[in-house]
Amino acid sequence: MEFSYIYGVVLFLIVMNMEKTRRAQGEEDEFNPDVDDAQSGWEHKVLHCRHARFKDPDALAEALTLESAAGWMLLEKLDDKRLRLTRPVSARDGDTALDFDPYRASSPTTV
């Protein structure tokens, strides 16, 4: 009897975590403009990391320094795992000189 209660609690926690993840993804989809928004002259992306590393100012600065090489600038810190970045569409001209994908969605320094 006691084990079924524990399993119920664990299942409830798993479902709640899944719902939280779904809401966070929905927030990104709702508030993150399309990458190909050339009409406005700006493009946007959300950069992810695991383990809430963007809470650490040094890790945040390192990630932003890497992204700035492609012209990305911090628009908004969504939480300790996600950053919304923006850059002018004209920055695409320098993408061929980069040694990384400027549209990557996860930070290599904080994964």
PDB file of N, CA and C in Angstrom:
ATOM      1  N   MET A   1       0.825  -1.185   0.000  1.00  0.00           N
ATOM      2  CA  MET A   1       0.000   0.000   0.000  1.00  0.00           C
ATOM      3  C   MET A   1       0.874   1.255   0.000  1.00  0.00           C
ATOM      4  N   GLU A   2       1.913   1.251   0.827  1.00  0.00           N
ATOM      5  CA  GLU A   2       2.808   2.406   0.926  1.00  0.00           C
ATOM      6  C   GLU A   2       3.554   2.641  -0.378  1.00  0.00           C
ATOM      7  N   PHE A   3       3.931   1.556  -1.082  1.00  0.00           N
ATOM      8  CA  PHE A   3       4.643   1.697  -2.344  1.00  0.00           C
ATOM      9  C   PHE A   3       3.784   2.347  -3.418  1.00  0.00           C
ATOM     10  N   SER A   4       2.512   2.016  -3.460  1.00  0.00           N
ATOM     11  CA  SER A   4       1.640   2.616  -4.474  1.00  0.00           C
ATOM     12  C   SER A   4       1.505   4.114  -4.238  1.00  0.00           C
ATOM     13  N   TYR A   5       1.515   4.559  -3.003  1.00  0.00           N
ATOM     14  CA  TYR A   5       1.469   5.989  -2.697  1.00  0.00           C
ATOM     15  C   TYR A   5       2.734   6.678  -3.208  1.00  0.00           C
ATOM     16  N   ILE A   6       3.877   6.052  -2.987  1.00  0.00           N
ATOM     17  CA  ILE A   6       5.154   6.609  -3.446  1.00  0.00           C
ATOM     18  C   ILE A   6       5.179   6.680  -4.968  1.00  0.00           C
ATOM     19  N   TYR A   7       4.727   5.609  -5.641  1.00  0.00           N
ATOM     20  CA  TYR A   7       4.677   5.625  -7.096  1.00  0.00           C
ATOM     21  C   TYR A   7       3.748   6.721  -7.609  1.00  0.00           C
ATOM     22  N   GLY A   8       2.647   6.926  -6.919  1.00  0.00           N
ATOM     23  CA  GLY A   8       1.712   7.982  -7.298  1.00  0.00           C
ATOM     24  C   GLY A   8       2.350   9.357  -7.203  1.00  0.00           C
ATOM     25  N   VAL A   9       3.107   9.596  -6.126  1.00  0.00           N
ATOM     26  CA  VAL A   9       3.782  10.874  -5.934  1.00  0.00           C
ATOM     27  C   VAL A   9       4.851  11.069  -7.014  1.00  0.00           C
ATOM     28  N   VAL A  10       5.624  10.033  -7.282  1.00  0.00           N
ATOM     29  CA  VAL A  10       6.670  10.119  -8.307  1.00  0.00           C
ATOM     30  C   VAL A  10       6.046  10.397  -9.674  1.00  0.00           C
ATOM     31  N   LEU A  11       4.974   9.709 -10.005  1.00  0.00           N
ATOM     32  CA  LEU A  11       4.288   9.928 -11.270  1.00  0.00           C
ATOM     33  C   LEU A  11       3.761  11.363 -11.356  1.00  0.00           C
ATOM     34  N   PHE A  12       3.190  11.851 -10.274  1.00  0.00           N
ATOM     35  CA  PHE A  12       2.700  13.234 -10.241  1.00  0.00           C
ATOM     36  C   PHE A  12       3.838  14.216 -10.500  1.00  0.00           C
ATOM     37  N   LEU A  13       4.991  14.021  -9.872  1.00  0.00           N
ATOM     38  CA  LEU A  13       6.138  14.913 -10.071  1.00  0.00           C
ATOM     39  C   LEU A  13       6.647  14.864 -11.507  1.00  0.00           C
ATOM     40  N   ILE A  14       6.655  13.694 -12.106  1.00  0.00           N
ATOM     41  CA  ILE A  14       7.090  13.561 -13.501  1.00  0.00           C
ATOM     42  C   ILE A  14       6.141  14.321 -14.418  1.00  0.00           C
ATOM     43  N   VAL A  15       4.845  14.170 -14.212  1.00  0.00           N
ATOM     44  CA  VAL A  15       3.860  14.863 -15.044  1.00  0.00           C
ATOM     45  C   VAL A  15       3.984  16.374 -14.871  1.00  0.00           C
ATOM     46  N   MET A  16       4.196  16.844 -13.660  1.00  0.00           N
ATOM     47  CA  MET A  16       4.342  18.283 -13.411  1.00  0.00           C
ATOM     48  C   MET A  16       5.587  18.830 -14.109  1.00  0.00           C
ATOM     49  N   ASN A  17       6.679  18.081 -14.092  1.00  0.00           N
ATOM     50  CA  ASN A  17       7.897  18.501 -14.772  1.00  0.00           C
ATOM     51  C   ASN A  17       7.686  18.551 -16.284  1.00  0.00           C
ATOM     52  N   MET A  18       6.980  17.587 -16.831  1.00  0.00           N
ATOM     53  CA  MET A  18       6.687  17.580 -18.260  1.00  0.00           C
ATOM     54  C   MET A  18       5.829  18.792 -18.637  1.00  0.00           C
ATOM     55  N   GLU A  19       4.878  19.141 -17.807  1.00  0.00           N
ATOM     56  CA  GLU A  19       4.018  20.299 -18.067  1.00  0.00           C
ATOM     57  C   GLU A  19       4.827  21.594 -18.009  1.00  0.00           C
ATOM     58  N   LYS A  20       5.729  21.680 -17.068  1.00  0.00           N
ATOM     59  CA  LYS A  20       6.579  22.867 -16.961  1.00  0.00           C
ATOM     60  C   LYS A  20       7.438  23.018 -18.223  1.00  0.00           C
ATOM     61  N   THR A  21       8.002  21.937 -18.707  1.00  0.00           N
ATOM     62  CA  THR A  21       8.808  21.955 -19.928  1.00  0.00           C
ATOM     63  C   THR A  21       7.955  22.349 -21.129  1.00  0.00           C
ATOM     64  N   ARG A  22       6.746  21.820 -21.215  1.00  0.00           N
ATOM     65  CA  ARG A  22       5.847  22.145 -22.319  1.00  0.00           C
ATOM     66  C   ARG A  22       5.484  23.627 -22.306  1.00  0.00           C
ATOM     67  N   ARG A  23       5.234  24.182 -21.133  1.00  0.00           N
ATOM     68  CA  ARG A  23       4.906  25.611 -21.029  1.00  0.00           C
ATOM     69  C   ARG A  23       6.089  26.472 -21.437  1.00  0.00           C
ATOM     70  N   ALA A  24       7.293  26.088 -21.021  1.00  0.00           N
ATOM     71  CA  ALA A  24       8.487  26.855 -21.381  1.00  0.00           C
ATOM     72  C   ALA A  24       8.690  26.847 -22.891  1.00  0.00           C
ATOM     73  N   GLN A  25       8.488  25.705 -23.537  1.00  0.00           N
ATOM     74  CA  GLN A  25       8.624  25.626 -24.984  1.00  0.00           C
ATOM     75  C   GLN A  25       7.549  26.461 -25.659  1.00  0.00           C
ATOM     76  N   GLY A  26       6.338  26.440 -25.124  1.00  0.00           N
ATOM     77  CA  GLY A  26       5.266  27.250 -25.679  1.00  0.00           C
ATOM     78  C   GLY A  26       5.572  28.732 -25.571  1.00  0.00           C
ATOM     79  N   GLU A  27       6.192  29.127 -24.457  1.00  0.00           N
ATOM     80  CA  GLU A  27       6.586  30.522 -24.273  1.00  0.00           C
ATOM     81  C   GLU A  27       7.597  30.929 -25.329  1.00  0.00           C
ATOM     82  N   GLU A  28       8.564  30.074 -25.598  1.00  0.00           N
ATOM     83  CA  GLU A  28       9.557  30.370 -26.631  1.00  0.00           C
ATOM     84  C   GLU A  28       8.894  30.495 -27.990  1.00  0.00           C
ATOM     85  N   ASP A  29       8.001  29.553 -28.312  1.00  0.00           N
ATOM     86  CA  ASP A  29       7.342  29.577 -29.608  1.00  0.00           C
ATOM     87  C   ASP A  29       6.469  30.820 -29.767  1.00  0.00           C
ATOM     88  N   GLU A  30       5.819  31.220 -28.694  1.00  0.00           N
ATOM     89  CA  GLU A  30       4.909  32.358 -28.758  1.00  0.00           C
ATOM     90  C   GLU A  30       5.647  33.685 -28.870  1.00  0.00           C
ATOM     91  N   PHE A  31       6.709  33.848 -28.105  1.00  0.00           N
ATOM     92  CA  PHE A  31       7.381  35.136 -28.031  1.00  0.00           C
ATOM     93  C   PHE A  31       8.652  35.233 -28.853  1.00  0.00           C
ATOM     94  N   ASN A  32       9.085  34.156 -29.467  1.00  0.00           N
ATOM     95  CA  ASN A  32      10.310  34.183 -30.250  1.00  0.00           C
ATOM     96  C   ASN A  32       9.966  34.330 -31.723  1.00  0.00           C
ATOM     97  N   PRO A  33      10.282  35.461 -32.336  1.00  0.00           N
ATOM     98  CA  PRO A  33       9.971  35.637 -33.760  1.00  0.00           C
ATOM     99  C   PRO A  33      10.726  34.625 -34.613  1.00  0.00           C
ATOM    100  N   ASP A  34      10.247  34.435 -35.822  1.00  0.00           N
ATOM    101  CA  ASP A  34      10.913  33.529 -36.757  1.00  0.00           C
ATOM    102  C   ASP A  34      12.338  33.996 -37.013  1.00  0.00           C
ATOM    103  N   VAL A  35      13.231  33.045 -37.250  1.00  0.00           N
ATOM    104  CA  VAL A  35      14.625  33.378 -37.524  1.00  0.00           C
ATOM    105  C   VAL A  35      14.737  34.194 -38.808  1.00  0.00           C
ATOM    106  N   ASP A  36      13.925  33.894 -39.804  1.00  0.00           N
ATOM    107  CA  ASP A  36      13.970  34.605 -41.075  1.00  0.00           C
ATOM    108  C   ASP A  36      13.013  35.793 -41.085  1.00  0.00           C
ATOM    109  N   ASP A  37      13.201  36.716 -40.192  1.00  0.00           N
ATOM    110  CA  ASP A  37      12.367  37.910 -40.119  1.00  0.00           C
ATOM    111  C   ASP A  37      13.125  39.075 -40.747  1.00  0.00           C
ATOM    112  N   ALA A  38      13.453  38.931 -42.026  1.00  0.00           N
ATOM    113  CA  ALA A  38      14.287  39.914 -42.714  1.00  0.00           C
ATOM    114  C   ALA A  38      13.572  41.251 -42.886  1.00  0.00           C
ATOM    115  N   GLN A  39      12.262  41.257 -42.822  1.00  0.00           N
ATOM    116  CA  GLN A  39      11.514  42.503 -42.991  1.00  0.00           C
ATOM    117  C   GLN A  39      11.837  43.504 -41.886  1.00  0.00           C
ATOM    118  N   SER A  40      12.030  43.026 -40.691  1.00  0.00           N
ATOM    119  CA  SER A  40      12.341  43.922 -39.582  1.00  0.00           C
ATOM    120  C   SER A  40      13.823  44.267 -39.533  1.00  0.00           C
ATOM    121  N   GLY A  41      14.658  43.491 -40.224  1.00  0.00           N
ATOM    122  CA  GLY A  41      16.097  43.729 -40.215  1.00  0.00           C
ATOM    123  C   GLY A  41      16.813  43.041 -39.062  1.00  0.00           C
ATOM    124  N   TRP A  42      16.078  42.292 -38.255  1.00  0.00           N
ATOM    125  CA  TRP A  42      16.656  41.596 -37.109  1.00  0.00           C
ATOM    126  C   TRP A  42      16.219  40.140 -37.119  1.00  0.00           C
ATOM    127  N   GLU A  43      17.065  39.270 -36.590  1.00  0.00           N
ATOM    128  CA  GLU A  43      16.701  37.878 -36.383  1.00  0.00           C
ATOM    129  C   GLU A  43      16.984  37.514 -34.938  1.00  0.00           C
ATOM    130  N   HIS A  44      16.321  36.466 -34.473  1.00  0.00           N
ATOM    131  CA  HIS A  44      16.372  36.110 -33.062  1.00  0.00           C
ATOM    132  C   HIS A  44      16.583  34.611 -32.903  1.00  0.00           C
ATOM    133  N   LYS A  45      17.124  34.239 -31.763  1.00  0.00           N
ATOM    134  CA  LYS A  45      17.223  32.825 -31.410  1.00  0.00           C
ATOM    135  C   LYS A  45      17.236  32.705 -29.896  1.00  0.00           C
ATOM    136  N   VAL A  46      16.951  31.505 -29.415  1.00  0.00           N
ATOM    137  CA  VAL A  46      17.030  31.205 -27.989  1.00  0.00           C
ATOM    138  C   VAL A  46      18.185  30.237 -27.801  1.00  0.00           C
ATOM    139  N   LEU A  47      19.104  30.594 -26.926  1.00  0.00           N
ATOM    140  CA  LEU A  47      20.266  29.768 -26.620  1.00  0.00           C
ATOM    141  C   LEU A  47      20.004  29.029 -25.314  1.00  0.00           C
ATOM    142  N   HIS A  48      20.185  27.726 -25.339  1.00  0.00           N
ATOM    143  CA  HIS A  48      19.913  26.875 -24.178  1.00  0.00           C
ATOM    144  C   HIS A  48      21.213  26.379 -23.546  1.00  0.00           C
ATOM    145  N   CYS A  49      21.130  26.054 -22.274  1.00  0.00           N
ATOM    146  CA  CYS A  49      22.204  25.337 -21.588  1.00  0.00           C
ATOM    147  C   CYS A  49      21.564  24.407 -20.578  1.00  0.00           C
ATOM    148  N   ARG A  50      22.301  23.433 -20.145  1.00  0.00           N
ATOM    149  CA  ARG A  50      21.820  22.517 -19.115  1.00  0.00           C
ATOM    150  C   ARG A  50      22.312  22.991 -17.757  1.00  0.00           C
ATOM    151  N   HIS A  51      21.663  22.533 -16.730  1.00  0.00           N
ATOM    152  CA  HIS A  51      22.115  22.717 -15.352  1.00  0.00           C
ATOM    153  C   HIS A  51      22.146  24.177 -14.904  1.00  0.00           C
ATOM    154  N   ALA A  52      21.337  25.033 -15.502  1.00  0.00           N
ATOM    155  CA  ALA A  52      21.207  26.434 -15.079  1.00  0.00           C
ATOM    156  C   ALA A  52      22.553  27.143 -14.970  1.00  0.00           C
ATOM    157  N   ARG A  53      23.417  26.918 -15.935  1.00  0.00           N
ATOM    158  CA  ARG A  53      24.755  27.514 -15.886  1.00  0.00           C
ATOM    159  C   ARG A  53      24.754  29.015 -16.139  1.00  0.00           C
ATOM    160  N   PHE A  54      23.689  29.562 -16.761  1.00  0.00           N
ATOM    161  CA  PHE A  54      23.653  30.997 -17.010  1.00  0.00           C
ATOM    162  C   PHE A  54      23.461  31.788 -15.716  1.00  0.00           C
ATOM    163  N   LYS A  55      23.269  31.091 -14.609  1.00  0.00           N
ATOM    164  CA  LYS A  55      23.216  31.752 -13.303  1.00  0.00           C
ATOM    165  C   LYS A  55      24.612  32.254 -12.918  1.00  0.00           C
ATOM    166  N   ASP A  56      25.633  31.538 -13.375  1.00  0.00           N
ATOM    167  CA  ASP A  56      27.028  31.900 -13.102  1.00  0.00           C
ATOM    168  C   ASP A  56      27.442  33.034 -14.044  1.00  0.00           C
ATOM    169  N   PRO A  57      27.807  34.200 -13.518  1.00  0.00           N
ATOM    170  CA  PRO A  57      28.169  35.333 -14.375  1.00  0.00           C
ATOM    171  C   PRO A  57      29.327  35.035 -15.332  1.00  0.00           C
ATOM    172  N   ASP A  58      30.278  34.224 -14.905  1.00  0.00           N
ATOM    173  CA  ASP A  58      31.407  33.889 -15.782  1.00  0.00           C
ATOM    174  C   ASP A  58      30.961  33.025 -16.961  1.00  0.00           C
ATOM    175  N   ALA A  59      30.106  32.038 -16.704  1.00  0.00           N
ATOM    176  CA  ALA A  59      29.595  31.182 -17.781  1.00  0.00           C
ATOM    177  C   ALA A  59      28.724  31.997 -18.730  1.00  0.00           C
ATOM    178  N   LEU A  60      27.930  32.899 -18.189  1.00  0.00           N
ATOM    179  CA  LEU A  60      27.089  33.765 -19.017  1.00  0.00           C
ATOM    180  C   LEU A  60      27.948  34.656 -19.912  1.00  0.00           C
ATOM    181  N   ALA A  61      28.973  35.257 -19.331  1.00  0.00           N
ATOM    182  CA  ALA A  61      29.865  36.133 -20.105  1.00  0.00           C
ATOM    183  C   ALA A  61      30.594  35.349 -21.190  1.00  0.00           C
ATOM    184  N   GLU A  62      31.024  34.135 -20.874  1.00  0.00           N
ATOM    185  CA  GLU A  62      31.731  33.313 -21.861  1.00  0.00           C
ATOM    186  C   GLU A  62      30.812  32.946 -23.028  1.00  0.00           C
ATOM    187  N   ALA A  63      29.576  32.569 -22.722  1.00  0.00           N
ATOM    188  CA  ALA A  63      28.625  32.221 -23.777  1.00  0.00           C
ATOM    189  C   ALA A  63      28.321  33.436 -24.655  1.00  0.00           C
ATOM    190  N   LEU A  64      28.132  34.599 -24.037  1.00  0.00           N
ATOM    191  CA  LEU A  64      27.825  35.802 -24.801  1.00  0.00           C
ATOM    192  C   LEU A  64      29.010  36.256 -25.651  1.00  0.00           C
ATOM    193  N   THR A  65      30.214  36.046 -25.149  1.00  0.00           N
ATOM    194  CA  THR A  65      31.410  36.384 -25.925  1.00  0.00           C
ATOM    195  C   THR A  65      31.490  35.524 -27.185  1.00  0.00           C
ATOM    196  N   LEU A  66      31.233  34.229 -27.040  1.00  0.00           N
ATOM    197  CA  LEU A  66      31.248  33.336 -28.204  1.00  0.00           C
ATOM    198  C   LEU A  66      30.170  33.737 -29.213  1.00  0.00           C
ATOM    199  N   GLU A  67      28.974  34.015 -28.731  1.00  0.00           N
ATOM    200  CA  GLU A  67      27.875  34.362 -29.626  1.00  0.00           C
ATOM    201  C   GLU A  67      28.094  35.710 -30.300  1.00  0.00           C
ATOM    202  N   SER A  68      28.793  36.617 -29.635  1.00  0.00           N
ATOM    203  CA  SER A  68      29.027  37.944 -30.218  1.00  0.00           C
ATOM    204  C   SER A  68      29.919  37.871 -31.458  1.00  0.00           C
ATOM    205  N   ALA A  69      30.698  36.808 -31.582  1.00  0.00           N
ATOM    206  CA  ALA A  69      31.529  36.636 -32.777  1.00  0.00           C
ATOM    207  C   ALA A  69      30.659  36.507 -34.031  1.00  0.00           C
ATOM    208  N   ALA A  70      29.423  36.046 -33.860  1.00  0.00           N
ATOM    209  CA  ALA A  70      28.483  35.923 -34.978  1.00  0.00           C
ATOM    210  C   ALA A  70      27.527  37.110 -35.028  1.00  0.00           C
ATOM    211  N   GLY A  71      27.741  38.088 -34.152  1.00  0.00           N
ATOM    212  CA  GLY A  71      26.901  39.276 -34.155  1.00  0.00           C
ATOM    213  C   GLY A  71      25.706  39.221 -33.230  1.00  0.00           C
ATOM    214  N   TRP A  72      25.573  38.128 -32.454  1.00  0.00           N
ATOM    215  CA  TRP A  72      24.429  37.987 -31.559  1.00  0.00           C
ATOM    216  C   TRP A  72      24.623  38.854 -30.318  1.00  0.00           C
ATOM    217  N   MET A  73      23.530  39.469 -29.879  1.00  0.00           N
ATOM    218  CA  MET A  73      23.521  40.301 -28.674  1.00  0.00           C
ATOM    219  C   MET A  73      22.409  39.828 -27.754  1.00  0.00           C
ATOM    220  N   LEU A  74      22.627  39.965 -26.462  1.00  0.00           N
ATOM    221  CA  LEU A  74      21.622  39.558 -25.488  1.00  0.00           C
ATOM    222  C   LEU A  74      20.416  40.484 -25.582  1.00  0.00           C
ATOM    223  N   LEU A  75      19.264  39.906 -25.809  1.00  0.00           N
ATOM    224  CA  LEU A  75      18.015  40.657 -25.822  1.00  0.00           C
ATOM    225  C   LEU A  75      17.307  40.496 -24.484  1.00  0.00           C
ATOM    226  N   GLU A  76      17.356  39.247 -23.948  1.00  0.00           N
ATOM    227  CA  GLU A  76      16.631  38.966 -22.713  1.00  0.00           C
ATOM    228  C   GLU A  76      17.149  37.666 -22.105  1.00  0.00           C
ATOM    229  N   LYS A  77      17.338  37.655 -20.801  1.00  0.00           N
ATOM    230  CA  LYS A  77      17.646  36.420 -20.086  1.00  0.00           C
ATOM    231  C   LYS A  77      16.313  35.860 -19.614  1.00  0.00           C
ATOM    232  N   LEU A  78      15.878  34.756 -20.228  1.00  0.00           N
ATOM    233  CA  LEU A  78      14.586  34.176 -19.891  1.00  0.00           C
ATOM    234  C   LEU A  78      14.618  33.524 -18.518  1.00  0.00           C
ATOM    235  N   ASP A  79      15.679  32.778 -18.260  1.00  0.00           N
ATOM    236  CA  ASP A  79      15.910  32.159 -16.956  1.00  0.00           C
ATOM    237  C   ASP A  79      17.364  31.701 -16.930  1.00  0.00           C
ATOM    238  N   ASP A  80      17.741  30.904 -15.956  1.00  0.00           N
ATOM    239  CA  ASP A  80      19.141  30.495 -15.827  1.00  0.00           C
ATOM    240  C   ASP A  80      19.560  29.432 -16.838  1.00  0.00           C
ATOM    241  N   LYS A  81      18.626  28.996 -17.699  1.00  0.00           N
ATOM    242  CA  LYS A  81      18.939  28.002 -18.730  1.00  0.00           C
ATOM    243  C   LYS A  81      18.735  28.516 -20.144  1.00  0.00           C
ATOM    244  N   ARG A  82      18.119  29.703 -20.314  1.00  0.00           N
ATOM    245  CA  ARG A  82      17.786  30.164 -21.649  1.00  0.00           C
ATOM    246  C   ARG A  82      18.031  31.667 -21.801  1.00  0.00           C
ATOM    247  N   LEU A  83      18.595  32.022 -22.951  1.00  0.00           N
ATOM    248  CA  LEU A  83      18.832  33.419 -23.304  1.00  0.00           C
ATOM    249  C   LEU A  83      18.182  33.686 -24.652  1.00  0.00           C
ATOM    250  N   ARG A  84      17.554  34.818 -24.811  1.00  0.00           N
ATOM    251  CA  ARG A  84      17.047  35.230 -26.119  1.00  0.00           C
ATOM    252  C   ARG A  84      18.056  36.208 -26.693  1.00  0.00           C
ATOM    253  N   LEU A  85      18.551  35.902 -27.890  1.00  0.00           N
ATOM    254  CA  LEU A  85      19.570  36.715 -28.541  1.00  0.00           C
ATOM    255  C   LEU A  85      19.002  37.312 -29.823  1.00  0.00           C
ATOM    256  N   THR A  86      19.575  38.414 -30.251  1.00  0.00           N
ATOM    257  CA  THR A  86      19.163  39.060 -31.485  1.00  0.00           C
ATOM    258  C   THR A  86      20.406  39.549 -32.218  1.00  0.00           C
ATOM    259  N   ARG A  87      20.278  39.679 -33.533  1.00  0.00           N
ATOM    260  CA  ARG A  87      21.361  40.248 -34.332  1.00  0.00           C
ATOM    261  C   ARG A  87      20.762  40.839 -35.598  1.00  0.00           C
ATOM    262  N   PRO A  88      21.459  41.808 -36.194  1.00  0.00           N
ATOM    263  CA  PRO A  88      20.976  42.336 -37.464  1.00  0.00           C
ATOM    264  C   PRO A  88      21.110  41.280 -38.565  1.00  0.00           C
ATOM    265  N   VAL A  89      20.184  41.282 -39.490  1.00  0.00           N
ATOM    266  CA  VAL A  89      20.223  40.330 -40.598  1.00  0.00           C
ATOM    267  C   VAL A  89      21.512  40.499 -41.394  1.00  0.00           C
ATOM    268  N   SER A  90      22.048  41.694 -41.416  1.00  0.00           N
ATOM    269  CA  SER A  90      23.295  41.945 -42.157  1.00  0.00           C
ATOM    270  C   SER A  90      24.476  41.150 -41.604  1.00  0.00           C
ATOM    271  N   ALA A  91      24.387  40.657 -40.366  1.00  0.00           N
ATOM    272  CA  ALA A  91      25.469  39.866 -39.773  1.00  0.00           C
ATOM    273  C   ALA A  91      25.622  38.515 -40.459  1.00  0.00           C
ATOM    274  N   ARG A  92      24.627  38.103 -41.226  1.00  0.00           N
ATOM    275  CA  ARG A  92      24.720  36.826 -41.961  1.00  0.00           C
ATOM    276  C   ARG A  92      25.894  36.823 -42.932  1.00  0.00           C
ATOM    277  N   ASP A  93      26.280  38.006 -43.392  1.00  0.00           N
ATOM    278  CA  ASP A  93      27.377  38.097 -44.359  1.00  0.00           C
ATOM    279  C   ASP A  93      28.681  37.524 -43.811  1.00  0.00           C
ATOM    280  N   GLY A  94      28.884  37.570 -42.510  1.00  0.00           N
ATOM    281  CA  GLY A  94      30.109  37.061 -41.914  1.00  0.00           C
ATOM    282  C   GLY A  94      30.039  35.620 -41.458  1.00  0.00           C
ATOM    283  N   ASP A  95      28.906  34.949 -41.672  1.00  0.00           N
ATOM    284  CA  ASP A  95      28.733  33.578 -41.178  1.00  0.00           C
ATOM    285  C   ASP A  95      29.712  32.585 -41.784  1.00  0.00           C
ATOM    286  N   THR A  96      30.136  32.784 -43.013  1.00  0.00           N
ATOM    287  CA  THR A  96      31.038  31.816 -43.652  1.00  0.00           C
ATOM    288  C   THR A  96      32.430  31.824 -43.018  1.00  0.00           C
ATOM    289  N   ALA A  97      32.792  32.908 -42.360  1.00  0.00           N
ATOM    290  CA  ALA A  97      34.113  32.990 -41.729  1.00  0.00           C
ATOM    291  C   ALA A  97      34.127  32.359 -40.332  1.00  0.00           C
ATOM    292  N   LEU A  98      32.980  31.968 -39.816  1.00  0.00           N
ATOM    293  CA  LEU A  98      32.898  31.403 -38.470  1.00  0.00           C
ATOM    294  C   LEU A  98      33.265  29.923 -38.470  1.00  0.00           C
ATOM    295  N   ASP A  99      33.797  29.443 -37.359  1.00  0.00           N
ATOM    296  CA  ASP A  99      34.107  28.020 -37.235  1.00  0.00           C
ATOM    297  C   ASP A  99      33.038  27.285 -36.426  1.00  0.00           C
ATOM    298  N   PHE A 100      31.841  27.877 -36.322  1.00  0.00           N
ATOM    299  CA  PHE A 100      30.714  27.250 -35.635  1.00  0.00           C
ATOM    300  C   PHE A 100      29.424  27.688 -36.327  1.00  0.00           C
ATOM    301  N   ASP A 101      28.352  26.971 -36.032  1.00  0.00           N
ATOM    302  CA  ASP A 101      27.045  27.287 -36.601  1.00  0.00           C
ATOM    303  C   ASP A 101      26.445  28.468 -35.827  1.00  0.00           C
ATOM    304  N   PRO A 102      26.228  29.617 -36.477  1.00  0.00           N
ATOM    305  CA  PRO A 102      25.698  30.771 -35.761  1.00  0.00           C
ATOM    306  C   PRO A 102      24.250  30.588 -35.305  1.00  0.00           C
ATOM    307  N   TYR A 103      23.572  29.565 -35.824  1.00  0.00           N
ATOM    308  CA  TYR A 103      22.184  29.312 -35.437  1.00  0.00           C
ATOM    309  C   TYR A 103      22.046  28.171 -34.437  1.00  0.00           C
ATOM    310  N   ARG A 104      23.153  27.734 -33.867  1.00  0.00           N
ATOM    311  CA  ARG A 104      23.064  26.650 -32.871  1.00  0.00           C
ATOM    312  C   ARG A 104      22.176  27.116 -31.723  1.00  0.00           C
ATOM    313  N   ALA A 105      21.527  26.138 -31.110  1.00  0.00           N
ATOM    314  CA  ALA A 105      20.567  26.459 -30.056  1.00  0.00           C
ATOM    315  C   ALA A 105      21.075  26.126 -28.659  1.00  0.00           C
ATOM    316  N   SER A 106      22.245  25.492 -28.570  1.00  0.00           N
ATOM    317  CA  SER A 106      22.787  25.184 -27.251  1.00  0.00           C
ATOM    318  C   SER A 106      24.200  25.726 -27.150  1.00  0.00           C
ATOM    319  N   SER A 107      24.532  26.186 -25.976  1.00  0.00           N
ATOM    320  CA  SER A 107      25.838  26.786 -25.743  1.00  0.00           C
ATOM    321  C   SER A 107      26.879  25.710 -25.481  1.00  0.00           C
ATOM    322  N   PRO A 108      27.949  25.654 -26.258  1.00  0.00           N
ATOM    323  CA  PRO A 108      28.957  24.613 -26.049  1.00  0.00           C
ATOM    324  C   PRO A 108      29.736  24.790 -24.751  1.00  0.00           C
ATOM    325  N   THR A 109      29.803  25.991 -24.226  1.00  0.00           N
ATOM    326  CA  THR A 109      30.582  26.214 -23.011  1.00  0.00           C
ATOM    327  C   THR A 109      29.803  25.880 -21.756  1.00  0.00           C
ATOM    328  N   THR A 110      28.486  25.741 -21.883  1.00  0.00           N
ATOM    329  CA  THR A 110      27.678  25.552 -20.683  1.00  0.00           C
ATOM    330  C   THR A 110      26.835  24.304 -20.735  1.00  0.00           C
ATOM    331  N   VAL A 111      27.035  23.445 -21.716  1.00  0.00           N
ATOM    332  CA  VAL A 111      26.235  22.231 -21.835  1.00  0.00           C
ATOM    333  C   VAL A 111      26.627  21.243 -20.790  1.00  0.00           C
TER     334      VAL A 111
END
